[in-house]
C-alpha atoms as a PDB file:
ATOM      1  CA  MET A   1      -3.948   1.709  14.112  1.00  0.00           C
ATOM      2  CA  ASP A   2      -4.808  -1.978  13.868  1.00  0.00           C
ATOM      3  CA  GLU A   3      -6.875  -2.033  10.701  1.00  0.00           C
ATOM      4  CA  ILE A   4      -7.859  -0.080   7.624  1.00  0.00           C
ATOM      5  CA  GLU A   5     -10.707  -0.417   5.126  1.00  0.00           C
ATOM      6  CA  ILE A   6      -9.683  -0.166   1.469  1.00  0.00           C
ATOM      7  CA  SER A   7     -11.248  -1.003  -1.880  1.00  0.00           C
ATOM      8  CA  VAL A   8     -10.935  -4.650  -2.960  1.00  0.00           C
ATOM      9  CA  LYS A   9     -10.624  -3.456  -6.560  1.00  0.00           C
ATOM     10  CA  ASP A  10      -7.705  -1.147  -5.649  1.00  0.00           C
ATOM     11  CA  LEU A  11      -6.029  -3.935  -3.681  1.00  0.00           C
ATOM     12  CA  TYR A  12      -6.449  -6.390  -6.564  1.00  0.00           C
ATOM     13  CA  GLU A  13      -5.021  -3.907  -9.068  1.00  0.00           C
ATOM     14  CA  LYS A  14      -2.009  -3.244  -6.804  1.00  0.00           C
ATOM     15  CA  ALA A  15      -1.380  -6.979  -6.309  1.00  0.00           C
ATOM     16  CA  LYS A  16      -1.683  -7.578 -10.063  1.00  0.00           C
ATOM     17  CA  MET A  17       0.824  -4.791 -10.737  1.00  0.00           C
ATOM     18  CA  MET A  18       3.321  -6.320  -8.303  1.00  0.00           C
ATOM     19  CA  LEU A  19       2.855  -9.786  -9.820  1.00  0.00           C
ATOM     20  CA  ASP A  20       3.285  -8.387 -13.333  1.00  0.00           C
ATOM     21  CA  ASP A  21       6.514  -6.711 -12.140  1.00  0.00           C
ATOM     22  CA  GLY A  22       7.812 -10.093 -10.942  1.00  0.00           C
ATOM     23  CA  MET A  23       7.560  -9.388  -7.214  1.00  0.00           C
ATOM     24  CA  ASP A  24       7.451 -12.325  -4.790  1.00  0.00           C
ATOM     25  CA  THR A  25       6.823 -10.709  -1.384  1.00  0.00           C
ATOM     26  CA  VAL A  26       5.385  -7.454  -0.057  1.00  0.00           C
ATOM     27  CA  VAL A  27       5.571  -5.521   3.198  1.00  0.00           C
ATOM     28  CA  LEU A  28       2.362  -3.643   4.072  1.00  0.00           C
ATOM     29  CA  ARG A  29       2.467  -0.588   6.310  1.00  0.00           C
ATOM     30  CA  LEU A  30      -0.613   1.056   7.792  1.00  0.00           C
ATOM     31  CA  CYS A  31      -0.265   4.847   7.881  1.00  0.00           C
ATOM     32  CA  GLU A  32      -2.364   6.942  10.262  1.00  0.00           C
ATOM     33  CA  ALA A  33      -4.384   9.912   9.024  1.00  0.00           C
ATOM     34  CA  ASP A  34      -2.511  13.157   9.621  1.00  0.00           C
ATOM     35  CA  GLY A  35      -3.675  16.752   9.826  1.00  0.00           C
ATOM     36  CA  GLU A  36      -7.039  18.441   9.510  1.00  0.00           C
ATOM     37  CA  GLY A  37      -9.024  20.336   6.909  1.00  0.00           C
ATOM     38  CA  ASP A  38      -7.811  20.757   3.335  1.00  0.00           C
ATOM     39  CA  ASP A  39      -4.229  19.777   4.249  1.00  0.00           C
ATOM     40  CA  ALA A  40      -5.224  16.475   5.888  1.00  0.00           C
ATOM     41  CA  LEU A  41      -3.631  13.268   4.697  1.00  0.00           C
ATOM     42  CA  PRO A  42      -5.975  10.255   4.820  1.00  0.00           C
ATOM     43  CA  ALA A  43      -5.089   6.944   6.420  1.00  0.00           C
ATOM     44  CA  CYS A  44      -3.550   4.601   3.881  1.00  0.00           C
ATOM     45  CA  VAL A  45      -1.677   1.366   3.348  1.00  0.00           C
ATOM     46  CA  SER A  46       1.737   1.453   1.661  1.00  0.00           C
ATOM     47  CA  PHE A  47       3.497  -1.342  -0.201  1.00  0.00           C
ATOM     48  CA  GLU A  48       7.178  -2.284  -0.524  1.00  0.00           C
ATOM     49  CA  ALA A  49       7.659  -5.363  -2.698  1.00  0.00           C
ATOM     50  CA  SER A  50      10.733  -7.405  -3.581  1.00  0.00           C
ATOM     51  CA  THR A  51      11.823 -10.398  -5.608  1.00  0.00           C
ATOM     52  CA  SER A  52      13.336 -13.594  -4.243  1.00  0.00           C
ATOM     53  CA  GLU A  53      16.524 -12.797  -6.175  1.00  0.00           C
ATOM     54  CA  ALA A  54      16.866  -9.381  -4.473  1.00  0.00           C
ATOM     55  CA  PRO A  55      14.941  -9.603  -1.186  1.00  0.00           C
ATOM     56  CA  PHE A  56      16.586  -6.498   0.293  1.00  0.00           C
ATOM     57  CA  ALA A  57      16.003  -4.283  -2.764  1.00  0.00           C
ATOM     58  CA  GLY A  58      12.432  -3.182  -2.049  1.00  0.00           C
ATOM     59  CA  VAL A  59      10.342  -1.359  -4.638  1.00  0.00           C
ATOM     60  CA  ASP A  60       7.820   1.162  -3.339  1.00  0.00           C
ATOM     61  CA  TYR A  61       4.341   1.163  -4.848  1.00  0.00           C
ATOM     62  CA  GLU A  62       1.773   3.955  -4.534  1.00  0.00           C
ATOM     63  CA  GLU A  63      -0.334   3.864  -1.381  1.00  0.00           C
ATOM     64  CA  ILE A  64      -4.016   2.967  -1.288  1.00  0.00           C
ATOM     65  CA  GLU A  65      -6.069   5.444   0.713  1.00  0.00           C
ATOM     66  CA  ALA A  66      -8.646   4.316   3.248  1.00  0.00           C
ATOM     67  CA  ILE A  67     -12.286   4.417   2.257  1.00  0.00           C
ATOM     68  CA  SER A  68     -13.677   7.588   3.780  1.00  0.00           C
ATOM     69  CA  GLU A  69     -16.773   7.249   5.893  1.00  0.00           C
END
């Protein structure tokens, strides 16, 4: 997976939350969709943020799911 389409509003809200928590950097991970039917997990982007004072103590934030087509 090279790209994912997500809501700008959701992305803004996530970035604001990380800024409000004092985070300085973030690692983004693209997660492939998995499964089929009712048990399927949608593609998403996950976030692990950290501060400059503790760069190796990442804080996980809730994923943002891809916009379904």
